[in-house]
């Protein structure tokens, strides 16, 4: 009540509303949004903000019991305990899914009216119905390709900006900061296929954005907070196993760095256990192929090779001590740094794995960024196509004792025989069931047969691949074609901050842009389409488990058993759509 005895009305500015409670935010939704949410309630769906509120209440109920065991640096972050960041980022992510890549107004006006029984949805805004989005989000996922620096949680970047400026008025809000750091804020163009506005540039621009990011995880407290928050974010999207790739800092002891990373991961595991969740993880030591090339006086090798060998030795030492370092990753621009230059680095890992004194559960895997650029060069300066770069990586990186994965690898599609087969698959997806078709393709493009026989996984990253122009559009992304050929394929976010994406959004984009989203169809047809796409997600999950750098077969089997078969009767979001 105010001084006059009248009821006091709480009013929020748009900026204040972002920090209000979920109930207040829901109460201040625009009229059209409230109507949509009431429609969702009538279909039995729980509004997203209310659902998160229930999770917040459950998560914060035991704060007092857990607070004494929390690291001091976690307690200093206001979002760590109340889960403000989880709610705030997830609601922002959801808003992003609904607004990014929306159809143009012209295409919206030409869309047919929904048939009776079809779910109400907005073609103009490009929204997915909640039941589809939540279903895709709830499905188990495996993440192989996630750069820690390029996926630094947004709340930590805001906190770092505040620490530097010491003036909250100069700190950009989340959306502005996200726009400044992502490719979306710099390069956008309209897709010729869908008419959607999408970010697209080249690999050099993408890597400039990556280099401009503050690497918060390179400090002791920053490593703890980054891995803590990353674990919670990935688990919120149904990720069951993730491999985080990061460089080891030169400024302080690698063991100290890893101990801080593990403290953050274990604290996140304790919080996930409250919700009866678990996220298994591993760490990949990143080797930058773009390091300087001058001769190192100590080893007589080029500096980039010297640093690569040093990183490999550090990974081996940490693995022997029992740290969850599971492999190395050769990253960076292929164009001027051919994979063949790093043969000594791969050979060191092969020798370690082949050593009879190395227990099988302490081996290391190798993943190589290849087939992301149109061309590269070998040691003799000969130009290699994307297909040839992947072939060279397979030749050097794989051995019977060393599992190999290829980061991206999508330029394989530019081989003439593969491109022709991809076009045939677009025209008739059933063509891959013809043994003659496969035999002819594998004869003309033997790399595909090698990838199949050795079960070398392709870590594709659809949004990143579109943004670096490795593929022309989401419609032209070959992940489903590779999977149809029997190749091992996973779907990954690459850099969540730069690409403005996450594990769920990668599947959402493919679902919408590769012909599975049919809002004009009846509900039964939409559910059938979702079931077909779910089979692709299941295949990616199973490939991801088998290709993970996990050398314990029991752990792999436990991960395979976590796939929860979904039917109309046991899936709440699908059942609620009826």
Protein backbone atom coordinates (compact mmCIF):
# COMPACT_ATOMS: atom_id res chain seq x y z
CA UNK A 1 0.00 0.00 0.00
CA UNK A 2 1.20 3.55 -0.72
CA UNK A 3 0.89 6.57 1.60
CA UNK A 4 -2.69 7.19 0.44
CA UNK A 5 -3.75 3.64 1.22
CA UNK A 6 -3.95 2.55 -2.41
CA UNK A 7 -2.52 -0.76 -3.59
CA UNK A 8 1.09 -0.33 -4.73
CA UNK A 9 1.72 -1.42 -8.32
CA UNK A 10 5.20 -2.68 -9.14
CA UNK A 11 6.45 -1.34 -12.46
CA UNK A 12 9.56 -2.45 -14.28
CA UNK A 13 11.53 -0.89 -17.06
CA UNK A 14 12.54 -3.32 -19.84
CA UNK A 15 16.04 -3.60 -18.34
CA UNK A 16 14.70 -4.12 -14.79
CA UNK A 17 12.25 -6.70 -16.09
CA UNK A 18 15.16 -8.88 -17.21
CA UNK A 19 16.28 -9.14 -13.58
CA UNK A 20 12.83 -9.60 -12.07
CA UNK A 21 11.65 -12.96 -10.79
CA UNK A 22 10.21 -15.39 -13.35
CA UNK A 23 6.72 -14.83 -11.95
CA UNK A 24 7.06 -11.04 -12.37
CA UNK A 25 8.45 -11.44 -15.88
CA UNK A 26 5.52 -13.69 -16.80
CA UNK A 27 3.03 -11.19 -15.40
CA UNK A 28 4.52 -8.40 -17.53
CA UNK A 29 4.49 -10.30 -20.84
CA UNK A 30 2.88 -8.48 -23.79
CA UNK A 31 -0.74 -9.31 -24.45
CA UNK A 32 -0.10 -11.44 -27.53
CA UNK A 33 2.49 -13.48 -25.64
CA UNK A 34 0.12 -14.05 -22.73
CA UNK A 35 -2.47 -15.30 -25.20
CA UNK A 36 0.03 -17.74 -26.67
CA UNK A 37 0.90 -19.00 -23.21
CA UNK A 38 -2.74 -19.46 -22.27
CA UNK A 39 -3.11 -21.46 -25.46
CA UNK A 40 -0.19 -23.55 -24.33
CA UNK A 41 -1.87 -24.15 -20.97
CA UNK A 42 -5.06 -25.26 -22.72
CA UNK A 43 -3.00 -27.89 -24.56
CA UNK A 44 -1.56 -29.09 -21.27
CA UNK A 45 1.85 -27.51 -21.75
CA UNK A 46 3.66 -25.88 -18.87
CA UNK A 47 4.84 -22.34 -19.69
CA UNK A 48 8.62 -22.28 -19.88
CA UNK A 49 9.15 -19.60 -17.27
CA UNK A 50 6.90 -21.36 -14.76
CA UNK A 51 8.70 -24.65 -15.34
CA UNK A 52 12.04 -22.99 -14.70
CA UNK A 53 10.59 -21.41 -11.56
CA UNK A 54 9.79 -24.87 -10.18
CA UNK A 55 13.33 -25.97 -10.97
CA UNK A 56 14.68 -22.86 -9.24
CA UNK A 57 12.67 -23.58 -6.11
CA UNK A 58 13.95 -27.16 -6.04
CA UNK A 59 17.52 -26.07 -6.75
CA UNK A 60 17.57 -23.34 -4.11
CA UNK A 61 15.79 -25.38 -1.42
CA UNK A 62 19.04 -26.94 -0.25
CA UNK A 63 21.29 -23.93 -0.66
CA UNK A 64 21.96 -23.53 3.05
CA UNK A 65 23.09 -27.14 3.41
CA UNK A 66 25.42 -26.94 0.42
CA UNK A 67 26.80 -23.45 0.95
CA UNK A 68 29.44 -24.46 3.45
CA UNK A 69 31.00 -26.94 0.99
CA UNK A 70 31.11 -24.50 -1.94
CA UNK A 71 34.44 -23.04 -3.07
CA UNK A 72 34.84 -19.38 -2.11
CA UNK A 73 35.19 -18.32 -5.74
CA UNK A 74 31.86 -19.92 -6.58
CA UNK A 75 30.17 -18.18 -3.68
CA UNK A 76 31.39 -14.85 -5.06
CA UNK A 77 29.33 -15.26 -8.22
CA UNK A 78 25.71 -14.26 -7.58
CA UNK A 79 24.30 -16.70 -10.12
CA UNK A 80 26.12 -19.80 -8.88
CA UNK A 81 23.71 -20.60 -6.06
CA UNK A 82 20.38 -19.14 -7.09
CA UNK A 83 20.77 -20.46 -10.62
CA UNK A 84 19.96 -16.97 -11.89
CA UNK A 85 22.35 -17.49 -14.78
CA UNK A 86 20.75 -20.82 -15.71
CA UNK A 87 17.30 -19.27 -15.79
CA UNK A 88 18.47 -16.02 -17.40
CA UNK A 89 20.58 -17.64 -20.10
CA UNK A 90 18.05 -20.35 -20.87
CA UNK A 91 15.22 -17.86 -21.28
CA UNK A 92 17.51 -15.76 -23.49
CA UNK A 93 18.52 -18.86 -25.47
CA UNK A 94 14.84 -19.77 -25.94
CA UNK A 95 14.08 -16.27 -27.19
CA UNK A 96 17.01 -16.58 -29.56
CA UNK A 97 15.73 -19.87 -30.98
CA UNK A 98 12.41 -18.22 -31.70
CA UNK A 99 13.79 -15.09 -33.35
CA UNK A 100 16.96 -16.12 -35.18
CA UNK A 101 16.57 -17.51 -38.63
CA UNK A 102 12.92 -16.50 -38.84
CA UNK A 103 11.16 -16.69 -42.13
CA UNK A 104 10.72 -13.50 -44.10
CA UNK A 105 7.39 -11.73 -44.12
CA UNK A 106 6.83 -12.55 -47.76
CA UNK A 107 7.22 -16.26 -47.19
CA UNK A 108 4.92 -16.02 -44.18
CA UNK A 109 2.12 -14.44 -46.17
CA UNK A 110 2.27 -17.18 -48.76
CA UNK A 111 2.17 -20.09 -46.31
CA UNK A 112 -1.05 -22.15 -46.44
CA UNK A 113 -3.48 -22.04 -43.58
CA UNK A 114 -3.06 -24.84 -41.03
CA UNK A 115 -5.32 -27.82 -41.53
CA UNK A 116 -7.73 -28.89 -38.79
CA UNK A 117 -5.83 -30.59 -36.00
CA UNK A 118 -2.55 -28.86 -36.80
CA UNK A 119 -0.77 -27.08 -33.97
CA UNK A 120 -1.07 -23.33 -33.88
CA UNK A 121 2.30 -21.74 -34.64
CA UNK A 122 3.71 -18.57 -36.14
CA UNK A 123 5.29 -18.88 -39.57
CA UNK A 124 6.17 -15.22 -39.52
CA UNK A 125 8.33 -15.52 -36.41
CA UNK A 126 9.71 -18.92 -37.35
CA UNK A 127 8.87 -20.37 -33.92
CA UNK A 128 8.87 -24.06 -33.24
CA UNK A 129 5.97 -25.26 -31.10
CA UNK A 130 7.07 -25.70 -27.51
CA UNK A 131 6.41 -29.42 -27.56
CA UNK A 132 8.86 -29.94 -30.45
CA UNK A 133 11.55 -27.71 -28.98
CA UNK A 134 11.35 -29.29 -25.54
CA UNK A 135 11.37 -32.77 -27.05
CA UNK A 136 14.54 -32.04 -29.04
CA UNK A 137 16.11 -30.48 -25.97
CA UNK A 138 15.27 -33.44 -23.74
CA UNK A 139 16.86 -36.09 -25.98
CA UNK A 140 20.30 -37.36 -24.88
CA UNK A 141 23.25 -35.88 -26.76
CA UNK A 142 27.01 -36.31 -27.06
CA UNK A 143 29.30 -33.31 -27.55
CA UNK A 144 32.76 -33.94 -29.02
CA UNK A 145 33.59 -30.50 -30.40
CA UNK A 146 33.33 -27.64 -27.90
CA UNK A 147 36.03 -24.99 -27.51
CA UNK A 148 36.06 -23.69 -23.95
CA UNK A 149 37.34 -20.21 -24.84
CA UNK A 150 34.72 -19.78 -27.58
CA UNK A 151 31.98 -21.05 -25.28
CA UNK A 152 32.69 -18.98 -22.18
CA UNK A 153 29.35 -18.54 -20.36
CA UNK A 154 27.86 -15.13 -21.04
CA UNK A 155 27.35 -14.34 -17.35
CA UNK A 156 31.10 -14.70 -16.75
CA UNK A 157 31.89 -12.33 -19.62
CA UNK A 158 29.52 -9.76 -18.12
CA UNK A 159 31.14 -10.28 -14.72
CA UNK A 160 34.60 -9.85 -16.28
CA UNK A 161 33.49 -6.64 -18.02
CA UNK A 162 32.23 -5.27 -14.71
CA UNK A 163 35.51 -6.19 -13.01
CA UNK A 164 37.48 -4.29 -15.66
CA UNK A 165 35.33 -1.14 -15.78
CA UNK A 166 34.31 -0.97 -12.09
CA UNK A 167 31.24 0.94 -13.32
CA UNK A 168 28.01 -0.95 -13.89
CA UNK A 169 26.74 1.82 -16.17
CA UNK A 170 29.49 0.99 -18.67
CA UNK A 171 28.79 -2.75 -18.68
CA UNK A 172 26.82 -3.83 -21.78
CA UNK A 173 23.72 -5.90 -21.19
CA UNK A 174 23.68 -9.55 -22.21
CA UNK A 175 22.16 -9.06 -25.64
CA UNK A 176 24.52 -6.27 -26.60
CA UNK A 177 27.55 -8.22 -25.42
CA UNK A 178 26.34 -11.36 -27.20
CA UNK A 179 25.92 -9.37 -30.40
CA UNK A 180 29.38 -7.79 -30.08
CA UNK A 181 31.10 -11.14 -29.58
CA UNK A 182 29.26 -13.23 -32.14
CA UNK A 183 29.50 -13.48 -35.89
CA UNK A 184 25.86 -12.33 -36.04
CA UNK A 185 26.91 -8.87 -34.97
CA UNK A 186 29.37 -8.52 -37.86
CA UNK A 187 28.38 -10.57 -40.89
CA UNK A 188 24.78 -11.22 -41.85
CA UNK A 189 23.15 -11.88 -45.18
CA UNK A 190 19.87 -13.25 -46.44
CA UNK A 191 19.84 -16.90 -47.46
CA UNK A 192 19.06 -17.42 -51.14
CA UNK A 193 17.41 -20.73 -50.23
CA UNK A 194 15.10 -19.82 -47.35
CA UNK A 195 15.09 -16.02 -47.34
CA UNK A 196 16.26 -16.08 -43.72
CA UNK A 197 18.82 -13.67 -42.31
CA UNK A 198 21.84 -15.72 -41.30
CA UNK A 199 25.40 -14.98 -40.25
CA UNK A 200 27.97 -16.00 -42.82
CA UNK A 201 31.58 -14.94 -43.23
CA UNK A 202 34.79 -16.91 -43.69
CA UNK A 203 37.11 -18.86 -41.44
CA UNK A 204 39.56 -15.95 -41.05
CA UNK A 205 36.83 -13.64 -39.71
CA UNK A 206 35.53 -16.39 -37.47
CA UNK A 207 39.00 -16.94 -36.02
CA UNK A 208 39.43 -13.19 -35.49
CA UNK A 209 36.30 -13.23 -33.33
CA UNK A 210 37.73 -16.20 -31.45
CA UNK A 211 41.05 -14.42 -30.86
CA UNK A 212 39.24 -11.31 -29.59
CA UNK A 213 37.50 -13.22 -26.79
CA UNK A 214 38.83 -12.88 -23.25
CA UNK A 215 40.03 -16.29 -22.15
CA UNK A 216 38.59 -16.27 -18.65
CA UNK A 217 39.39 -19.97 -18.21
CA UNK A 218 43.14 -19.28 -18.29
CA UNK A 219 43.07 -17.91 -14.73
CA UNK A 220 42.72 -20.24 -11.71
CA UNK A 221 39.37 -18.90 -10.51
CA UNK A 222 38.19 -18.38 -14.09
CA UNK A 223 38.85 -22.03 -14.93
CA UNK A 224 36.79 -23.19 -11.96
CA UNK A 225 33.84 -20.92 -12.74
CA UNK A 226 33.92 -21.56 -16.50
CA UNK A 227 33.84 -25.34 -16.22
CA UNK A 228 31.24 -25.21 -13.47
CA UNK A 229 28.90 -23.13 -15.60
CA UNK A 230 29.66 -25.01 -18.83
CA UNK A 231 28.73 -28.31 -17.18
CA UNK A 232 25.37 -26.93 -16.04
CA UNK A 233 24.65 -25.44 -19.46
CA UNK A 234 25.42 -28.65 -21.34
CA UNK A 235 23.40 -30.78 -18.93
CA UNK A 236 20.42 -28.44 -19.41
CA UNK A 237 20.41 -29.47 -23.08
CA UNK A 238 20.43 -33.21 -22.43
CA UNK A 239 24.17 -33.72 -22.97
CA UNK A 240 25.31 -36.98 -21.39
CA UNK A 241 29.00 -36.78 -22.29
CA UNK A 242 31.12 -33.81 -23.38
CA UNK A 243 34.75 -33.32 -24.29
CA UNK A 244 36.02 -29.80 -23.57
CA UNK A 245 38.98 -28.68 -25.65
CA UNK A 246 41.35 -26.10 -24.23
CA UNK A 247 44.98 -25.07 -24.41
CA UNK A 248 47.14 -25.51 -21.32
CA UNK A 249 48.23 -22.12 -19.94
CA UNK A 250 51.89 -21.15 -20.01
CA UNK A 251 51.43 -18.73 -17.11
CA UNK A 252 51.07 -21.34 -14.37
CA UNK A 253 51.37 -25.07 -13.69
CA UNK A 254 49.15 -27.27 -15.93
CA UNK A 255 48.30 -29.47 -12.94
CA UNK A 256 47.05 -26.47 -10.98
CA UNK A 257 45.00 -25.41 -13.99
CA UNK A 258 43.44 -28.86 -14.34
CA UNK A 259 42.72 -29.08 -10.63
CA UNK A 260 40.68 -25.87 -10.88
CA UNK A 261 38.86 -27.21 -13.95
CA UNK A 262 38.03 -30.41 -12.08
CA UNK A 263 36.84 -28.51 -9.00
CA UNK A 264 34.35 -26.66 -11.19
CA UNK A 265 33.21 -29.89 -12.87
CA UNK A 266 32.79 -31.75 -9.59
CA UNK A 267 30.84 -28.90 -8.00
CA UNK A 268 28.54 -28.96 -11.04
CA UNK A 269 28.20 -32.74 -10.68
CA UNK A 270 26.99 -32.30 -7.11
CA UNK A 271 24.31 -29.88 -8.26
CA UNK A 272 23.28 -32.14 -11.11
CA UNK A 273 22.99 -35.08 -8.71
CA UNK A 274 20.26 -33.17 -6.84
CA UNK A 275 18.24 -33.25 -10.08
CA UNK A 276 19.22 -36.91 -10.63
CA UNK A 277 21.38 -36.00 -13.62
CA UNK A 278 24.96 -36.78 -14.51
CA UNK A 279 27.32 -35.43 -17.16
CA UNK A 280 30.46 -37.42 -17.95
CA UNK A 281 33.31 -35.41 -19.42
CA UNK A 282 36.87 -35.41 -20.73
CA UNK A 283 39.41 -32.73 -21.58
CA UNK A 284 41.27 -32.38 -24.88
CA UNK A 285 44.58 -30.52 -24.94
CA UNK A 286 44.43 -28.04 -27.81
CA UNK A 287 47.43 -27.52 -30.10
CA UNK A 288 47.40 -24.33 -32.17
CA UNK A 289 48.79 -25.07 -35.62
CA UNK A 290 48.98 -21.32 -36.28
CA UNK A 291 51.78 -20.66 -33.75
CA UNK A 292 54.92 -18.88 -35.05
CA UNK A 293 57.13 -20.90 -37.40
CA UNK A 294 60.58 -19.53 -36.60
CA UNK A 295 63.11 -22.15 -35.55
CA UNK A 296 63.21 -22.87 -31.84
CA UNK A 297 66.76 -22.64 -30.53
CA UNK A 298 66.23 -25.41 -28.00
CA UNK A 299 64.87 -28.14 -30.28
CA UNK A 300 65.82 -26.94 -33.75
CA UNK A 301 62.21 -27.40 -34.85
CA UNK A 302 59.74 -24.77 -36.06
CA UNK A 303 58.11 -23.10 -33.06
CA UNK A 304 54.60 -24.43 -33.84
CA UNK A 305 55.91 -28.02 -33.99
CA UNK A 306 57.97 -27.48 -30.83
CA UNK A 307 54.91 -26.25 -28.95
CA UNK A 308 52.84 -29.11 -30.36
CA UNK A 309 55.30 -31.71 -29.08
CA UNK A 310 55.44 -29.96 -25.70
CA UNK A 311 51.64 -30.05 -25.45
CA UNK A 312 51.61 -33.74 -26.39
CA UNK A 313 54.17 -34.48 -23.65
CA UNK A 314 52.08 -32.53 -21.12
CA UNK A 315 48.96 -34.47 -22.13
CA UNK A 316 50.81 -37.77 -21.71
CA UNK A 317 52.18 -36.77 -18.30
CA UNK A 318 48.76 -35.66 -17.05
CA UNK A 319 47.09 -38.80 -18.40
CA UNK A 320 49.61 -41.01 -16.63
CA UNK A 321 48.76 -39.25 -13.36
CA UNK A 322 45.08 -40.06 -13.80
CA UNK A 323 43.73 -36.68 -14.88
CA UNK A 324 40.73 -36.84 -17.28
CA UNK A 325 42.82 -35.67 -20.24
CA UNK A 326 41.54 -37.95 -22.99
CA UNK A 327 43.33 -36.70 -26.12
CA UNK A 328 44.85 -33.89 -28.14
CA UNK A 329 43.26 -31.62 -30.73
CA UNK A 330 45.08 -29.99 -33.64
CA UNK A 331 43.17 -26.77 -34.34
CA UNK A 332 43.63 -23.60 -36.34
CA UNK A 333 43.68 -22.54 -39.97
CA UNK A 334 44.63 -25.37 -42.32
CA UNK A 335 45.49 -23.04 -45.20
CA UNK A 336 49.06 -22.17 -44.17
CA UNK A 337 49.59 -24.92 -41.60
CA UNK A 338 49.26 -28.31 -43.25
CA UNK A 339 48.51 -31.35 -41.15
CA UNK A 340 51.58 -33.08 -42.56
CA UNK A 341 53.81 -30.64 -40.63
CA UNK A 342 52.61 -32.16 -37.36
CA UNK A 343 53.47 -35.79 -38.09
CA UNK A 344 56.01 -35.89 -35.18
CA UNK A 345 53.25 -34.84 -32.73
CA UNK A 346 50.93 -37.64 -33.85
CA UNK A 347 53.74 -40.15 -33.82
CA UNK A 348 54.49 -39.32 -30.19
CA UNK A 349 50.90 -40.17 -29.25
CA UNK A 350 51.03 -43.38 -31.31
CA UNK A 351 54.23 -44.43 -29.54
CA UNK A 352 52.71 -43.73 -26.12
CA UNK A 353 49.58 -45.75 -26.88
CA UNK A 354 51.60 -48.65 -28.34
CA UNK A 355 53.88 -48.83 -25.29
CA UNK A 356 53.15 -52.06 -23.41
CA UNK A 357 53.49 -50.16 -20.11
CA UNK A 358 50.53 -47.93 -21.00
CA UNK A 359 47.28 -49.29 -19.52
CA UNK A 360 44.45 -49.41 -22.02
CA UNK A 361 42.32 -47.09 -19.91
CA UNK A 362 45.11 -44.46 -19.96
CA UNK A 363 45.42 -44.14 -23.72
CA UNK A 364 44.94 -40.88 -25.62
CA UNK A 365 42.91 -40.10 -28.73
CA UNK A 366 43.58 -37.62 -31.53
CA UNK A 367 41.19 -35.21 -33.19
CA UNK A 368 42.26 -33.03 -36.12
CA UNK A 369 40.56 -30.00 -37.63
CA UNK A 370 40.47 -30.88 -41.33
CA UNK A 371 38.20 -30.33 -44.31
CA UNK A 372 37.05 -26.97 -42.90
CA UNK A 373 38.84 -24.81 -45.50
CA UNK A 374 38.63 -25.17 -49.26
CA UNK A 375 42.38 -25.78 -49.69
CA UNK A 376 45.54 -26.24 -47.67
CA UNK A 377 49.19 -26.99 -48.41
CA UNK A 378 51.46 -29.90 -47.57
CA UNK A 379 55.14 -29.70 -46.58
CA UNK A 380 56.18 -29.41 -50.22
CA UNK A 381 53.78 -26.52 -50.79
CA UNK A 382 51.41 -28.61 -52.89
CA UNK A 383 47.79 -27.47 -52.71
CA UNK A 384 45.45 -29.95 -51.02
CA UNK A 385 41.69 -29.89 -51.42
CA UNK A 386 39.44 -30.30 -48.39
CA UNK A 387 38.99 -33.97 -49.34
CA UNK A 388 42.78 -34.46 -49.59
CA UNK A 389 43.35 -32.68 -46.27
CA UNK A 390 41.00 -35.10 -44.51
CA UNK A 391 42.71 -38.04 -46.27
CA UNK A 392 46.13 -36.84 -45.08
CA UNK A 393 44.80 -36.40 -41.53
CA UNK A 394 43.46 -39.95 -41.54
CA UNK A 395 46.78 -41.29 -42.80
CA UNK A 396 48.78 -39.54 -40.06
CA UNK A 397 46.36 -39.47 -37.13
CA UNK A 398 44.97 -43.01 -37.04
CA UNK A 399 46.65 -46.17 -35.79
CA UNK A 400 45.26 -49.47 -34.44
CA UNK A 401 45.93 -48.23 -30.89
CA UNK A 402 44.91 -44.58 -31.40
CA UNK A 403 41.29 -43.60 -32.08
CA UNK A 404 40.89 -40.65 -34.44
CA UNK A 405 38.15 -38.13 -35.07
CA UNK A 406 38.01 -35.42 -37.73
CA UNK A 407 36.87 -31.94 -36.69
CA UNK A 408 34.32 -30.72 -39.27
CA UNK A 409 35.37 -32.69 -42.40
CA UNK A 410 32.47 -31.27 -44.42
CA UNK A 411 34.65 -30.30 -47.41
CA UNK A 412 34.70 -33.99 -48.31
CA UNK A 413 31.48 -33.16 -50.12
CA UNK A 414 33.41 -31.13 -52.72
CA UNK A 415 34.98 -34.24 -54.23
CA UNK A 416 33.24 -34.65 -57.62
CA UNK A 417 31.97 -38.19 -56.96
CA UNK A 418 30.76 -37.30 -53.46
CA UNK A 419 29.06 -34.12 -54.72
CA UNK A 420 27.25 -36.12 -57.41
CA UNK A 421 26.12 -38.71 -54.86
CA UNK A 422 24.97 -35.94 -52.49
CA UNK A 423 22.83 -34.45 -55.25
CA UNK A 424 21.33 -37.87 -55.93
CA UNK A 425 20.58 -38.29 -52.22
CA UNK A 426 18.77 -34.94 -52.17
CA UNK A 427 16.63 -36.06 -55.08
CA UNK A 428 16.00 -39.56 -53.69
CA UNK A 429 17.15 -40.37 -50.12
CA UNK A 430 16.48 -44.07 -50.70
CA UNK A 431 19.35 -44.26 -53.20
CA UNK A 432 21.80 -45.02 -50.37
CA UNK A 433 20.03 -48.36 -49.87
CA UNK A 434 21.23 -49.50 -53.29
CA UNK A 435 24.44 -51.59 -52.91
CA UNK A 436 25.52 -50.62 -56.42
CA UNK A 437 25.24 -46.93 -55.56
CA UNK A 438 27.43 -47.37 -52.46
CA UNK A 439 29.95 -49.60 -54.19
CA UNK A 440 30.39 -47.12 -57.04
CA UNK A 441 30.74 -44.19 -54.59
CA UNK A 442 33.31 -45.95 -52.39
CA UNK A 443 35.34 -46.90 -55.47
CA UNK A 444 35.48 -43.32 -56.74
CA UNK A 445 35.98 -41.79 -53.27
CA UNK A 446 37.96 -44.37 -51.25
CA UNK A 447 38.31 -42.00 -48.29
CA UNK A 448 34.66 -42.67 -47.43
CA UNK A 449 35.33 -46.41 -47.29
CA UNK A 450 38.34 -45.78 -45.03
CA UNK A 451 36.25 -43.62 -42.67
CA UNK A 452 33.61 -46.35 -42.60
CA UNK A 453 35.98 -49.27 -42.03
CA UNK A 454 37.97 -47.52 -39.30
CA UNK A 455 34.88 -45.88 -37.76
CA UNK A 456 36.54 -42.47 -37.81
CA UNK A 457 33.97 -39.98 -36.59
CA UNK A 458 33.22 -36.65 -38.29
CA UNK A 459 32.57 -33.93 -35.70
CA UNK A 460 30.27 -31.71 -37.76
CA UNK A 461 29.21 -28.28 -36.48
CA UNK A 462 26.30 -27.05 -38.67
CA UNK A 463 26.08 -23.44 -37.48
CA UNK A 464 29.84 -22.95 -37.48
CA UNK A 465 30.12 -24.61 -40.90
CA UNK A 466 27.56 -22.19 -42.34
CA UNK A 467 29.21 -19.18 -40.70
CA UNK A 468 32.67 -20.05 -42.04
CA UNK A 469 31.21 -20.80 -45.51
CA UNK A 470 32.38 -24.41 -45.32
CA UNK A 471 28.83 -25.16 -46.51
CA UNK A 472 26.47 -22.79 -48.28
CA UNK A 473 23.47 -23.22 -45.97
CA UNK A 474 21.85 -25.51 -43.43
CA UNK A 475 19.91 -27.13 -46.28
CA UNK A 476 23.22 -28.04 -47.93
CA UNK A 477 24.83 -29.43 -44.79
CA UNK A 478 25.90 -33.05 -45.43
CA UNK A 479 25.66 -34.49 -41.89
CA UNK A 480 22.53 -36.54 -42.61
CA UNK A 481 23.99 -37.73 -45.94
CA UNK A 482 27.15 -38.94 -44.21
CA UNK A 483 25.05 -40.71 -41.57
CA UNK A 484 22.92 -42.35 -44.27
CA UNK A 485 26.11 -43.74 -45.83
CA UNK A 486 26.89 -45.42 -42.50
CA UNK A 487 29.68 -43.02 -41.48
CA UNK A 488 30.14 -42.05 -37.85
CA UNK A 489 28.79 -38.50 -37.40
CA UNK A 490 28.09 -36.22 -34.46
CA UNK A 491 26.47 -32.76 -34.25
CA UNK A 492 28.33 -30.16 -32.19
CA UNK A 493 28.09 -26.43 -31.29
CA UNK A 494 31.83 -25.62 -31.75
CA UNK A 495 31.85 -22.13 -30.11
CA UNK A 496 28.56 -21.25 -28.44
CA UNK A 497 29.33 -17.55 -27.87
CA UNK A 498 30.71 -16.81 -31.34
CA UNK A 499 28.06 -18.83 -33.15
CA UNK A 500 25.20 -17.97 -30.76
CA UNK A 501 24.15 -21.57 -30.53
CA UNK A 502 23.99 -24.57 -28.21
CA UNK A 503 23.61 -28.35 -28.39
CA UNK A 504 19.84 -28.17 -28.91
CA UNK A 505 19.93 -25.34 -31.44
CA UNK A 506 22.15 -27.36 -33.79
CA UNK A 507 19.44 -30.00 -34.10
CA UNK A 508 16.69 -27.35 -34.21
CA UNK A 509 18.32 -25.76 -37.26
CA UNK A 510 18.62 -29.06 -39.11
CA UNK A 511 15.07 -30.01 -38.15
CA UNK A 512 13.64 -26.74 -39.47
CA UNK A 513 15.81 -26.35 -42.54
CA UNK A 514 16.06 -29.90 -43.86
CA UNK A 515 12.38 -30.55 -44.40
CA UNK A 516 11.21 -32.02 -41.08
CA UNK A 517 9.29 -28.99 -39.79
CA UNK A 518 5.82 -29.01 -41.34
CA UNK A 519 3.53 -26.65 -39.38
CA UNK A 520 0.87 -26.77 -42.09
CA UNK A 521 0.46 -30.54 -41.65
CA UNK A 522 -1.86 -32.31 -39.18
CA UNK A 523 -0.50 -33.23 -35.78
CA UNK A 524 -0.08 -36.90 -36.68
CA UNK A 525 2.13 -35.97 -39.65
CA UNK A 526 4.21 -33.62 -37.49
CA UNK A 527 4.76 -36.34 -34.90
CA UNK A 528 5.78 -38.80 -37.62
CA UNK A 529 8.27 -36.28 -38.99
CA UNK A 530 9.69 -35.71 -35.51
CA UNK A 531 10.04 -39.46 -35.03
CA UNK A 532 12.07 -39.73 -38.25
CA UNK A 533 14.37 -36.93 -37.12
CA UNK A 534 14.69 -38.53 -33.69
CA UNK A 535 16.16 -41.62 -35.36
CA UNK A 536 18.91 -39.39 -36.76
CA UNK A 537 19.57 -37.94 -33.29
CA UNK A 538 19.73 -41.45 -31.83
CA UNK A 539 22.24 -42.48 -34.51
CA UNK A 540 24.41 -39.43 -33.72
CA UNK A 541 24.22 -40.27 -30.02
CA UNK A 542 25.30 -43.87 -30.55
CA UNK A 543 28.08 -42.85 -32.92
CA UNK A 544 29.17 -40.25 -30.38
CA UNK A 545 29.42 -42.76 -27.55
CA UNK A 546 31.40 -45.24 -29.65
CA UNK A 547 33.75 -42.53 -30.96
CA UNK A 548 34.26 -40.88 -27.56
CA UNK A 549 37.77 -41.10 -26.15
CA UNK A 550 36.55 -43.43 -23.43
CA UNK A 551 38.70 -46.50 -22.98
CA UNK A 552 36.42 -48.23 -20.49
CA UNK A 553 33.87 -50.41 -22.26
CA UNK A 554 31.60 -50.52 -19.21
CA UNK A 555 31.38 -46.72 -19.17
CA UNK A 556 30.55 -46.71 -22.87
CA UNK A 557 27.81 -49.27 -22.30
CA UNK A 558 26.37 -47.20 -19.46
CA UNK A 559 26.24 -44.20 -21.79
CA UNK A 560 24.55 -46.26 -24.50
CA UNK A 561 21.99 -47.40 -21.96
CA UNK A 562 21.14 -43.77 -21.15
CA UNK A 563 19.34 -43.36 -24.45
CA UNK A 564 15.73 -43.28 -23.40
CA UNK A 565 13.39 -44.65 -26.08
CA UNK A 566 10.52 -42.21 -26.56
CA UNK A 567 6.94 -42.99 -27.44
CA UNK A 568 3.73 -41.03 -27.29
CA UNK A 569 2.83 -42.64 -23.99
CA UNK A 570 6.05 -41.88 -22.09
CA UNK A 571 7.04 -38.50 -23.54
CA UNK A 572 5.20 -35.67 -21.74
CA UNK A 573 5.86 -33.00 -24.37
CA UNK A 574 4.51 -35.15 -27.21
CA UNK A 575 1.59 -36.42 -25.15
CA UNK A 576 0.70 -32.84 -24.21
CA UNK A 577 0.55 -31.86 -27.88
CA UNK A 578 -2.36 -34.18 -28.54
